[in-house]
N, C-alpha and C. Protein backbone atom coordinates (compact mmCIF):
# COMPACT_ATOMS: atom_id res chain seq x y z
N UNK A 1 -13.41 -12.88 19.64
CA UNK A 1 -12.26 -13.60 20.64
C UNK A 1 -11.05 -14.10 20.05
N UNK A 2 -9.59 -13.84 20.65
CA UNK A 2 -8.57 -14.01 19.77
C UNK A 2 -7.58 -14.43 20.92
N UNK A 3 -6.45 -15.18 20.53
CA UNK A 3 -5.36 -15.20 21.54
C UNK A 3 -4.45 -14.41 20.74
N UNK A 4 -3.84 -13.67 22.04
CA UNK A 4 -2.59 -12.55 21.67
C UNK A 4 -1.59 -12.92 22.46
N UNK A 5 -0.50 -12.92 21.79
CA UNK A 5 0.85 -13.33 22.37
C UNK A 5 2.01 -12.02 22.33
N UNK A 6 2.43 -11.66 23.44
CA UNK A 6 3.56 -10.49 23.39
C UNK A 6 4.87 -11.25 22.85
N UNK A 7 5.10 -10.60 21.69
CA UNK A 7 6.47 -10.96 21.05
C UNK A 7 7.34 -9.77 21.26
N UNK A 8 6.83 -8.38 21.34
CA UNK A 8 7.78 -7.20 21.47
C UNK A 8 8.06 -6.75 19.98
N UNK A 9 9.05 -5.94 19.60
CA UNK A 9 9.31 -5.64 18.25
C UNK A 9 8.33 -4.08 18.01
N UNK A 10 7.47 -3.85 18.82
CA UNK A 10 6.61 -2.96 18.12
C UNK A 10 7.31 -1.24 18.29
N UNK A 11 6.40 -0.47 18.04
CA UNK A 11 6.93 0.90 17.84
C UNK A 11 7.45 1.33 19.35
N UNK A 12 6.88 0.78 20.41
CA UNK A 12 7.19 1.28 21.91
C UNK A 12 7.12 -0.09 22.43
N UNK A 13 7.44 -0.01 23.90
CA UNK A 13 7.18 -1.28 24.75
C UNK A 13 5.93 -1.19 25.29
N UNK A 14 5.13 -0.24 24.89
CA UNK A 14 3.54 -0.15 25.64
C UNK A 14 2.86 -1.32 24.89
N UNK A 15 1.85 -1.58 25.80
CA UNK A 15 1.02 -2.85 25.49
C UNK A 15 0.21 -2.17 24.41
N UNK A 16 -0.22 -0.83 24.50
CA UNK A 16 -1.13 -0.53 23.19
C UNK A 16 -0.64 0.26 22.24
N UNK A 17 0.64 -0.02 21.95
CA UNK A 17 1.40 0.53 20.66
C UNK A 17 0.87 0.14 19.65
N UNK A 18 0.59 1.08 18.79
CA UNK A 18 -0.12 0.84 17.34
C UNK A 18 0.67 1.02 15.86
N UNK A 19 1.91 1.87 16.09
CA UNK A 19 2.56 2.01 14.95
C UNK A 19 3.27 0.73 14.34
N UNK A 20 3.64 -0.23 15.09
CA UNK A 20 3.81 -1.56 15.04
C UNK A 20 3.34 -2.20 16.37
N UNK A 21 2.42 -3.10 16.46
CA UNK A 21 2.29 -3.59 17.63
C UNK A 21 3.25 -4.64 18.43
N UNK A 22 3.07 -5.00 19.49
CA UNK A 22 4.08 -5.99 20.08
C UNK A 22 3.34 -7.27 20.18
N UNK A 23 2.33 -7.58 19.47
CA UNK A 23 1.60 -8.67 19.59
C UNK A 23 1.52 -9.66 18.25
N UNK A 24 1.26 -10.91 18.57
CA UNK A 24 1.08 -11.91 17.72
C UNK A 24 -0.07 -12.65 17.67
N UNK A 25 -0.43 -13.38 16.80
CA UNK A 25 -1.63 -14.46 16.93
C UNK A 25 -1.35 -15.60 17.09
N UNK A 26 0.12 -15.89 17.13
CA UNK A 26 0.72 -17.33 17.80
C UNK A 26 1.79 -17.00 18.58
N UNK A 27 2.10 -18.10 19.41
CA UNK A 27 3.47 -17.82 20.38
C UNK A 27 4.61 -17.68 19.24
N UNK A 28 5.64 -16.92 19.67
CA UNK A 28 6.69 -16.47 18.64
C UNK A 28 6.23 -15.94 17.29
N UNK A 29 5.06 -15.83 16.91
CA UNK A 29 4.89 -15.30 15.63
C UNK A 29 5.37 -13.86 15.34
N UNK A 30 4.99 -13.29 14.20
CA UNK A 30 5.23 -12.05 13.78
C UNK A 30 4.48 -11.09 14.47
N UNK A 31 5.12 -10.00 14.79
CA UNK A 31 4.41 -8.92 15.45
C UNK A 31 3.56 -8.21 14.66
N UNK A 32 2.60 -7.28 15.09
CA UNK A 32 1.69 -6.52 14.45
C UNK A 32 0.26 -6.89 14.33
N UNK A 33 -0.07 -7.97 15.14
CA UNK A 33 -1.36 -8.36 15.33
C UNK A 33 -2.18 -7.35 16.07
N UNK A 34 -3.38 -7.50 16.23
CA UNK A 34 -4.13 -6.16 16.85
C UNK A 34 -3.96 -6.16 18.27
N UNK A 35 -4.05 -5.25 18.97
CA UNK A 35 -3.52 -4.90 20.50
C UNK A 35 -4.96 -5.74 21.00
N UNK A 36 -4.43 -6.63 22.19
CA UNK A 36 -5.72 -7.38 22.69
C UNK A 36 -6.74 -6.40 23.50
N UNK A 37 -7.95 -6.78 23.14
CA UNK A 37 -9.23 -6.27 23.68
C UNK A 37 -9.87 -7.03 24.98
N UNK A 38 -10.98 -6.65 25.32
CA UNK A 38 -11.57 -7.40 26.46
C UNK A 38 -12.17 -8.83 26.31
N UNK A 39 -11.98 -9.30 24.97
CA UNK A 39 -12.55 -10.48 24.48
C UNK A 39 -11.40 -11.22 24.30
N UNK A 40 -10.07 -10.86 24.37
CA UNK A 40 -8.92 -11.67 23.94
C UNK A 40 -8.21 -12.22 25.15
N UNK A 41 -7.62 -13.46 25.10
CA UNK A 41 -6.86 -14.04 26.01
C UNK A 41 -5.42 -13.63 25.62
N UNK A 42 -4.60 -13.41 26.71
CA UNK A 42 -3.34 -12.79 26.45
C UNK A 42 -2.16 -13.64 27.10
N UNK A 43 -1.29 -13.95 26.48
CA UNK A 43 -0.05 -14.83 26.72
C UNK A 43 1.11 -13.98 26.60
N UNK A 44 2.08 -14.41 27.66
CA UNK A 44 3.48 -14.12 27.81
C UNK A 44 3.98 -15.39 27.92
N UNK A 45 4.85 -15.51 27.19
CA UNK A 45 5.27 -17.01 27.29
C UNK A 45 6.91 -17.15 26.97
N UNK A 46 7.41 -18.20 26.87
CA UNK A 46 8.73 -18.42 26.73
C UNK A 46 9.33 -17.76 25.33
N UNK A 47 8.46 -17.68 24.42
CA UNK A 47 8.70 -16.91 23.18
C UNK A 47 8.59 -15.27 23.27
N UNK A 48 8.26 -14.85 24.40
CA UNK A 48 8.14 -13.22 24.58
C UNK A 48 9.31 -12.50 24.82
N UNK A 49 10.44 -13.52 25.11
CA UNK A 49 11.72 -12.69 25.41
C UNK A 49 11.89 -12.26 26.91
N UNK A 50 12.91 -11.55 27.02
CA UNK A 50 12.98 -11.05 28.47
C UNK A 50 12.90 -9.49 28.53
N UNK A 51 12.28 -8.82 27.53
CA UNK A 51 12.21 -7.50 27.68
C UNK A 51 11.09 -6.83 28.49
N UNK A 52 10.74 -5.79 28.35
CA UNK A 52 9.81 -5.13 29.11
C UNK A 52 8.59 -4.85 28.33
N UNK A 53 7.32 -5.04 29.00
CA UNK A 53 5.92 -4.75 28.67
C UNK A 53 5.71 -3.47 29.33
N UNK A 54 5.18 -2.50 28.91
CA UNK A 54 4.65 -1.27 29.86
C UNK A 54 3.12 -1.14 29.56
N UNK A 55 2.49 -1.24 30.82
CA UNK A 55 1.14 -0.87 30.66
C UNK A 55 1.04 0.56 31.25
N UNK A 56 0.76 1.46 29.89
CA UNK A 56 0.93 2.76 30.15
C UNK A 56 -0.49 3.57 30.05
N UNK A 57 -1.49 3.00 29.82
CA UNK A 57 -2.96 3.27 29.84
C UNK A 57 -3.54 1.93 30.46
N UNK A 58 -4.92 2.45 30.99
CA UNK A 58 -5.96 1.43 31.35
C UNK A 58 -6.23 0.26 30.32
N UNK A 59 -6.17 -0.97 30.50
CA UNK A 59 -6.31 -1.76 29.56
C UNK A 59 -7.23 -2.75 30.32
N UNK A 60 -8.16 -3.49 29.34
CA UNK A 60 -9.05 -4.60 29.61
C UNK A 60 -8.81 -5.70 28.71
N UNK A 61 -8.69 -6.98 29.13
CA UNK A 61 -8.55 -8.33 28.59
C UNK A 61 -9.41 -9.46 29.14
N UNK A 62 -9.32 -10.37 28.50
CA UNK A 62 -10.38 -11.62 29.11
C UNK A 62 -9.48 -12.51 30.20
N UNK A 63 -8.17 -12.76 29.82
CA UNK A 63 -7.37 -13.44 30.68
C UNK A 63 -5.72 -13.19 30.54
N UNK A 64 -4.94 -13.40 31.35
CA UNK A 64 -3.51 -13.51 30.93
C UNK A 64 -2.88 -14.47 31.87
N UNK A 65 -1.99 -15.16 30.95
CA UNK A 65 -1.19 -16.12 31.32
C UNK A 65 0.36 -15.79 31.13
N UNK A 66 0.99 -15.92 32.14
CA UNK A 66 2.62 -15.69 31.83
C UNK A 66 3.43 -16.76 32.22
N UNK A 67 2.93 -18.02 31.85
CA UNK A 67 3.56 -19.27 32.05
C UNK A 67 4.94 -19.12 31.11
N UNK A 68 6.11 -19.24 31.62
CA UNK A 68 7.33 -19.21 30.83
C UNK A 68 8.04 -17.86 30.94
N UNK A 69 7.28 -16.82 31.03
CA UNK A 69 7.77 -15.30 30.85
C UNK A 69 8.81 -14.97 31.83
N UNK A 70 9.95 -14.57 31.13
CA UNK A 70 10.99 -14.23 32.23
C UNK A 70 11.33 -12.53 32.11
N UNK A 71 10.45 -11.86 31.18
CA UNK A 71 10.70 -10.52 31.40
C UNK A 71 9.96 -9.57 32.48
N UNK A 72 9.78 -8.30 32.13
CA UNK A 72 9.30 -7.47 33.22
C UNK A 72 7.93 -6.70 32.77
N UNK A 73 7.19 -6.61 33.48
CA UNK A 73 5.82 -5.80 33.36
C UNK A 73 5.89 -4.67 34.19
N UNK A 74 5.81 -3.58 33.64
CA UNK A 74 5.74 -2.04 34.34
C UNK A 74 4.27 -1.59 34.10
N UNK A 75 3.93 -0.81 34.97
CA UNK A 75 2.42 -0.31 35.19
C UNK A 75 2.69 1.14 35.56
N UNK A 76 2.22 2.32 34.68
CA UNK A 76 2.21 3.46 34.83
C UNK A 76 1.16 3.64 36.11
N UNK A 77 1.53 4.94 36.80
CA UNK A 77 0.64 5.45 37.76
C UNK A 77 -0.98 5.61 37.48
N UNK A 78 -1.73 5.54 38.00
CA UNK A 78 -3.42 5.62 37.62
C UNK A 78 -3.69 5.01 36.59
N UNK A 79 -3.27 3.87 36.39
CA UNK A 79 -3.92 2.87 35.21
C UNK A 79 -4.40 1.89 35.71
N UNK A 80 -5.14 1.04 35.11
CA UNK A 80 -6.10 -0.02 35.82
C UNK A 80 -5.79 -1.05 34.64
N UNK A 81 -5.34 -2.21 35.24
CA UNK A 81 -5.49 -3.51 34.19
C UNK A 81 -6.65 -4.26 34.64
N UNK A 82 -7.66 -4.46 33.79
CA UNK A 82 -8.82 -5.23 34.03
C UNK A 82 -8.82 -6.46 33.39
N UNK A 83 -9.16 -7.72 34.24
CA UNK A 83 -9.00 -8.88 33.71
C UNK A 83 -10.45 -9.45 33.90
N UNK A 84 -11.02 -9.72 32.82
CA UNK A 84 -12.47 -10.47 32.92
C UNK A 84 -12.31 -11.95 33.11
N UNK A 85 -11.56 -12.52 34.13
CA UNK A 85 -11.35 -13.91 34.30
C UNK A 85 -10.04 -14.09 35.17
N UNK A 86 -9.17 -14.93 34.79
CA UNK A 86 -7.85 -15.48 35.49
C UNK A 86 -6.60 -14.65 35.00
N UNK A 87 -5.91 -14.45 36.12
CA UNK A 87 -4.50 -13.78 35.88
C UNK A 87 -3.47 -14.61 36.57
N UNK A 88 -2.73 -15.11 35.74
CA UNK A 88 -1.54 -16.02 36.30
C UNK A 88 -0.30 -15.25 36.16
N UNK A 89 0.65 -14.80 37.24
CA UNK A 89 1.93 -14.11 37.05
C UNK A 89 2.82 -15.35 37.44
N UNK A 90 3.99 -15.44 37.27
CA UNK A 90 4.94 -16.37 37.66
C UNK A 90 5.98 -15.94 38.09
N UNK A 91 6.85 -16.71 39.10
CA UNK A 91 8.00 -16.35 39.68
C UNK A 91 9.05 -15.88 38.76
N UNK A 92 9.26 -16.50 37.77
CA UNK A 92 10.39 -15.90 36.79
C UNK A 92 10.12 -14.49 36.15
N UNK A 93 9.18 -13.83 36.10
CA UNK A 93 9.03 -12.49 35.63
C UNK A 93 8.97 -11.51 36.85
N UNK A 94 9.21 -10.19 36.42
CA UNK A 94 9.03 -8.99 37.27
C UNK A 94 7.84 -8.30 37.12
N UNK A 95 7.26 -8.03 38.00
CA UNK A 95 6.13 -6.94 38.10
C UNK A 95 6.76 -5.74 38.72
N UNK A 96 6.62 -4.55 37.95
CA UNK A 96 7.38 -3.45 38.50
C UNK A 96 6.47 -2.18 38.36
N UNK A 97 5.32 -2.16 39.21
CA UNK A 97 4.38 -0.88 39.16
C UNK A 97 5.26 0.37 39.53
N UNK A 98 4.87 1.39 38.90
CA UNK A 98 5.49 2.59 39.20
C UNK A 98 5.15 3.57 40.57
N UNK A 99 4.01 2.98 41.05
CA UNK A 99 3.67 3.70 42.05
C UNK A 99 2.60 2.96 42.85
N UNK A 100 1.96 3.45 43.79
CA UNK A 100 0.87 2.69 44.52
C UNK A 100 -0.40 3.22 44.00
N UNK A 101 -0.80 4.01 42.82
CA UNK A 101 -1.77 4.33 42.42
C UNK A 101 -2.29 3.66 41.15
N UNK A 102 -1.80 2.54 40.79
CA UNK A 102 -2.12 1.88 39.70
C UNK A 102 -3.05 0.56 40.34
N UNK A 103 -3.78 -0.02 39.64
CA UNK A 103 -4.78 -1.04 40.02
C UNK A 103 -4.87 -2.35 39.16
N UNK A 104 -5.25 -3.37 39.70
CA UNK A 104 -5.45 -4.51 38.93
C UNK A 104 -6.88 -4.92 39.34
N UNK A 105 -7.72 -5.03 38.23
CA UNK A 105 -9.24 -5.46 38.88
C UNK A 105 -9.89 -6.59 37.99
N UNK A 106 -10.27 -7.50 38.75
CA UNK A 106 -11.06 -8.77 38.27
C UNK A 106 -12.32 -8.46 38.06
N UNK A 107 -13.06 -8.69 36.87
CA UNK A 107 -14.29 -8.42 36.78
C UNK A 107 -15.11 -9.63 36.23
N UNK A 108 -14.84 -10.91 36.40
CA UNK A 108 -15.38 -12.12 36.00
C UNK A 108 -14.78 -13.26 36.79
N UNK A 109 -15.48 -14.38 36.92
CA UNK A 109 -14.98 -15.42 37.58
C UNK A 109 -13.81 -15.90 37.15
N UNK A 110 -12.80 -16.17 38.11
CA UNK A 110 -11.41 -16.67 37.63
C UNK A 110 -10.57 -16.98 38.85
N UNK A 111 -9.26 -17.27 38.61
CA UNK A 111 -8.26 -17.30 39.72
C UNK A 111 -7.31 -16.36 39.47
N UNK A 112 -6.58 -15.91 40.61
CA UNK A 112 -5.65 -14.96 40.51
C UNK A 112 -4.39 -15.49 41.36
N UNK A 113 -3.36 -15.68 40.58
CA UNK A 113 -2.06 -15.97 41.00
C UNK A 113 -1.03 -14.92 41.00
N UNK A 114 -0.36 -14.72 42.08
CA UNK A 114 0.36 -13.47 42.09
C UNK A 114 2.11 -13.90 42.13
N UNK A 115 2.24 -15.12 42.35
CA UNK A 115 3.66 -15.71 42.28
C UNK A 115 4.60 -14.92 43.37
N UNK A 116 4.24 -14.28 44.28
CA UNK A 116 4.94 -13.60 45.29
C UNK A 116 5.06 -12.02 44.80
N UNK A 117 4.53 -11.36 43.73
CA UNK A 117 4.51 -10.25 43.50
C UNK A 117 3.97 -9.16 44.25
N UNK A 118 4.24 -8.20 44.61
CA UNK A 118 3.53 -7.22 45.39
C UNK A 118 2.88 -6.34 44.29
N UNK A 119 1.26 -5.99 44.61
CA UNK A 119 0.51 -5.33 43.76
C UNK A 119 0.34 -3.98 44.33
N UNK A 120 -0.17 -3.23 43.38
CA UNK A 120 -0.90 -2.00 44.07
C UNK A 120 -2.20 -2.27 44.51
N UNK A 121 -3.24 -1.33 43.98
CA UNK A 121 -4.49 -1.61 44.47
C UNK A 121 -5.09 -2.79 43.67
N UNK A 122 -5.94 -3.46 44.41
CA UNK A 122 -6.62 -4.48 43.56
C UNK A 122 -8.07 -4.67 43.74
N UNK A 123 -8.94 -4.94 43.04
CA UNK A 123 -10.32 -5.03 43.31
C UNK A 123 -11.09 -6.43 42.60
N UNK A 124 -12.07 -6.61 43.22
CA UNK A 124 -13.12 -7.71 42.56
C UNK A 124 -14.47 -7.00 42.59
N UNK A 125 -15.02 -7.19 41.40
CA UNK A 125 -16.32 -6.50 41.04
C UNK A 125 -16.92 -7.28 39.87
N UNK A 126 -18.11 -7.88 40.14
CA UNK A 126 -18.78 -8.46 39.16
C UNK A 126 -20.04 -9.15 39.84
N UNK A 127 -21.19 -9.17 39.16
CA UNK A 127 -22.29 -9.74 39.55
C UNK A 127 -22.19 -11.11 39.54
N UNK A 128 -22.66 -11.94 40.51
CA UNK A 128 -22.35 -13.37 40.54
C UNK A 128 -21.07 -14.21 40.41
N UNK A 129 -19.90 -13.09 40.28
CA UNK A 129 -18.45 -14.01 40.08
C UNK A 129 -18.15 -14.38 41.30
N UNK A 130 -17.04 -15.34 41.21
CA UNK A 130 -16.25 -15.75 42.20
C UNK A 130 -14.77 -15.86 41.87
N UNK A 131 -14.05 -15.10 42.73
CA UNK A 131 -12.48 -14.95 42.35
C UNK A 131 -11.79 -15.77 43.54
N UNK A 132 -10.84 -16.74 43.00
CA UNK A 132 -10.35 -17.54 44.02
C UNK A 132 -8.60 -16.83 44.09
N UNK A 133 -8.25 -16.36 45.15
CA UNK A 133 -6.70 -16.27 45.35
C UNK A 133 -5.99 -17.51 45.58
N UNK A 134 -5.24 -17.91 44.49
CA UNK A 134 -4.45 -19.24 44.55
C UNK A 134 -3.41 -19.13 45.44
N UNK A 135 -2.74 -18.05 45.69
CA UNK A 135 -1.70 -18.11 46.59
C UNK A 135 -1.63 -16.76 47.57
N UNK A 136 -0.50 -16.70 48.19
CA UNK A 136 -0.44 -15.47 49.12
C UNK A 136 -0.43 -14.02 48.32
N UNK A 137 -1.11 -13.21 48.72
CA UNK A 137 -1.38 -11.80 48.21
C UNK A 137 -0.77 -10.64 49.06
N UNK A 138 -0.05 -10.05 48.39
CA UNK A 138 0.59 -8.71 49.28
C UNK A 138 0.29 -7.50 48.42
N UNK A 139 -0.29 -6.53 49.04
CA UNK A 139 -0.22 -5.07 48.29
C UNK A 139 0.81 -4.37 48.85
N UNK A 140 1.41 -3.53 47.90
CA UNK A 140 2.76 -2.85 48.07
C UNK A 140 2.69 -1.96 49.34
N UNK A 141 1.94 -1.29 49.72
CA UNK A 141 1.90 -0.27 50.79
C UNK A 141 0.83 -0.26 51.74
N UNK A 142 0.97 0.51 52.85
CA UNK A 142 -0.23 0.68 53.92
C UNK A 142 -1.46 1.34 53.10
N UNK A 143 -0.89 2.16 52.30
CA UNK A 143 -2.03 3.19 51.43
C UNK A 143 -2.99 2.24 50.39
N UNK A 144 -2.42 1.14 49.99
CA UNK A 144 -3.05 0.38 49.10
C UNK A 144 -4.42 -0.19 49.50
N UNK A 145 -5.32 -0.39 48.62
CA UNK A 145 -6.37 -0.97 49.10
C UNK A 145 -6.93 -2.24 48.11
N UNK A 146 -7.68 -3.35 48.83
CA UNK A 146 -8.15 -4.40 48.19
C UNK A 146 -9.64 -3.91 48.47
N UNK A 147 -10.34 -3.90 47.13
CA UNK A 147 -11.75 -3.68 47.33
C UNK A 147 -12.66 -4.67 46.62
N UNK A 148 -13.72 -5.20 47.68
CA UNK A 148 -14.52 -6.00 46.95
C UNK A 148 -15.84 -5.38 46.94
N UNK A 149 -16.07 -5.14 45.83
CA UNK A 149 -17.39 -4.32 45.49
C UNK A 149 -18.67 -5.34 45.27
N UNK A 150 -18.55 -6.14 44.41
CA UNK A 150 -19.63 -7.25 44.19
C UNK A 150 -18.91 -8.56 43.78
N UNK A 151 -19.66 -9.60 44.16
CA UNK A 151 -19.00 -10.92 43.77
C UNK A 151 -18.68 -11.53 45.13
N UNK A 152 -17.98 -12.64 44.80
CA UNK A 152 -17.42 -13.33 46.12
C UNK A 152 -15.85 -13.59 45.90
N UNK A 153 -15.09 -13.42 47.06
CA UNK A 153 -13.75 -13.88 46.78
C UNK A 153 -13.29 -14.72 47.74
N UNK A 154 -12.63 -15.85 47.23
CA UNK A 154 -12.19 -17.02 48.01
C UNK A 154 -10.63 -16.68 48.46
N UNK A 155 -10.61 -16.20 49.81
CA UNK A 155 -9.17 -15.87 50.18
C UNK A 155 -8.21 -17.09 50.55
N UNK A 156 -8.88 -18.37 50.66
CA UNK A 156 -8.17 -19.48 51.06
C UNK A 156 -7.71 -20.29 49.84
N UNK A 157 -7.89 -20.04 48.62
CA UNK A 157 -7.32 -20.77 47.52
C UNK A 157 -8.34 -22.00 47.23
N UNK A 158 -7.68 -22.92 46.88
CA UNK A 158 -8.47 -24.26 46.75
C UNK A 158 -9.10 -24.54 47.94
N UNK A 159 -10.21 -25.57 48.15
CA UNK A 159 -10.83 -25.89 49.35
C UNK A 159 -9.81 -26.44 50.32
N UNK A 160 -8.89 -27.11 49.98
CA UNK A 160 -7.78 -27.80 50.79
C UNK A 160 -6.63 -27.08 50.97
N UNK A 161 -6.60 -25.79 50.87
CA UNK A 161 -5.33 -24.87 50.73
C UNK A 161 -5.78 -23.68 51.72
N UNK A 162 -5.78 -23.93 53.15
CA UNK A 162 -6.10 -22.83 54.00
C UNK A 162 -5.11 -22.19 54.76
N UNK A 163 -3.75 -22.06 54.32
CA UNK A 163 -2.53 -21.68 54.95
C UNK A 163 -2.03 -20.51 54.28
N UNK A 164 -2.98 -19.88 53.41
CA UNK A 164 -2.44 -18.68 52.70
C UNK A 164 -2.53 -17.33 53.71
N UNK A 165 -1.59 -16.52 53.22
CA UNK A 165 -1.37 -15.08 54.10
C UNK A 165 -1.59 -14.05 53.12
N UNK A 166 -2.49 -13.06 53.43
CA UNK A 166 -2.73 -12.12 52.72
C UNK A 166 -2.46 -10.68 53.49
N UNK A 167 -1.80 -9.71 52.68
CA UNK A 167 -1.38 -8.36 53.42
C UNK A 167 -1.98 -7.29 52.56
N UNK A 168 -2.83 -6.41 53.16
CA UNK A 168 -3.34 -5.37 52.38
C UNK A 168 -3.35 -4.19 53.37
N UNK A 169 -3.07 -2.97 52.79
CA UNK A 169 -3.23 -2.05 53.64
C UNK A 169 -4.50 -1.56 54.03
N UNK A 170 -5.48 -1.82 53.16
CA UNK A 170 -6.84 -1.26 53.47
C UNK A 170 -7.74 -2.43 52.77
N UNK A 171 -8.78 -2.79 53.70
CA UNK A 171 -9.60 -3.64 52.81
C UNK A 171 -10.99 -3.09 52.80
N UNK A 172 -11.48 -2.82 51.86
CA UNK A 172 -12.84 -2.32 51.54
C UNK A 172 -13.96 -3.24 50.88
N UNK A 173 -15.24 -3.33 51.59
CA UNK A 173 -15.97 -4.04 50.88
C UNK A 173 -17.38 -3.36 51.11
N UNK A 174 -18.28 -3.26 50.29
CA UNK A 174 -19.81 -2.84 50.27
C UNK A 174 -20.70 -3.81 50.39
């Protein structure tokens, strides 16, 4: 398990660029650390710059924290960003999925904060997990789906926060 910080400067703006990677092992450090994997915590912070990070392939990471990030995430069609824990988007960043066919999937206990970003498809699936939606959640279009396959999803955020609004085109639960 390692921390990975987006610093840019890789061979492309893709998360999984390997010629030179966009990742450092410290905030603001030198690029070319290994691309984050399912056991790594990912950080986009004030030292990440204001450029673009492109999710061009399906990716799995342990958690993502974007505190201080002012850049842009893009996400290609038919890709899934799987987070095995918490996902924290922030108001100063831009999330620009290319279509409604990409997805974010939460596979372990954690908290999801969207900071007003509209998402594509979204799913929660993991035995015994609890995912808390910390703020309002909106899926981009009437054709996008929130899928709860396995686990528990708390739609009211913290126990004292019951005024949240969620907008999904389709809600699917098994």
